[in-house]
Amino acid sequence: MDGPASVSAAVQAAYSYCETVTGAQARNFAYGIRLLPTDKRQAMSALYAFSRRVDDIGDGPLGAAEKRERLEGTREVLDRVRRGAVSEDDTDPVAVALADAATRFPIPLEGLDELIDGVLMDVHGETYETWDDLRAYCRCVAGAIGRLSLGVFGTQPGVPGAERAAEYADTLGLALQLTNILRDVREDAANGRVYLPADDLAKFGCSAGFHTATPPPGADFTGLVHFEVRRARALFAEGYRLLPMLDRRSGACVAAMAGIYRRLLDRIAADPEAVLRGRVSLPGHEKAYVAIRGLSGIDTRHISRQSLRGRV
């Protein structure tokens, strides 16, 4: 299936709405999913649009009580999708698109419950003492997205190690989320949020937080960033084992999205204090280069060779 002709006009309109949301609000994500065939691209857009709704509630200006109420409302929408209780003429286009996608692909919808749980942790003002604590949060808000995406991508028939595909997808999600946390450390501080583990902050003298364009006095901010970068790179290396298990276009999509964040991580490592001065990003031409690498299969072949060497 590779076209919109097999869906009704109402469902197609719902998918178009989700793709518009994705294109407007998720440039890195949109770069990757444009490499997919139509049906998978639409399903991924539906997943993104629902996830965006959840994130926007968590990041919005509402009070904690109203945020909790609205997040439970998104869970009710998800329950309707799960029960098959969303009709094509439903007034919520995201629910219509997600319901259709869930009939086409084996999407583990419980991953969206985990996302809601993770955003509720933000609403409750959770902080994280250790990496294990932060990893549990990251699995909810990002690892779950990796597993949901794998439901759309699928693995190639008979591919070795497919039983670990969900684990690798989850780990790749963690790598992306830790990169996001490093990139947004100043913005999060301004919003009263601290994600990096308290143990790590104390180790590098950064417990005072990140409220200015320079590190706290006496802090080894560069050491902290490089420590977290090494952790993220290890997660990327593990998560990339997923690539050879996917078909060419799904692998290209994942390689493009992950590659953009991997290069972003390299930029942060090269100039750690840049994340305190503003938002670090990649220019469009560099994102396009990463997408071309993904589509060409260069990254997948590289990971495959590494995996083969590891088994010898």
Foldseek 3Di string as FASTA:
>chain_A
DFDDPVDDPLLVVLLVVLLVVCVVPPVLLNLLLVLDGRLLSSLLSLVVSLLVVLVCLLPDDDALVVSLVVLVVSVVLLVCLVVVNDDSPDPNSSSSSNSVSVVVWVFPSVLVVLLSVLSNCSSVQDEAADPVRLLSSLLNNFLSSLRRSCRSFPFDPPDPPVVCLSVLSSLLRSLLVLLVCLQCQQVCVVVVHDYPHPNLCVVQVQNVGQPALDGDPPGPQLVSLVVSLVVSVVSNLSSLLNLLGTPLSSSLSSQLSSVQSNVQSVVCNVPVSVSSVDGGGDDPVVSVVSSVCSNVCVSVVVSVVVVVVVVD
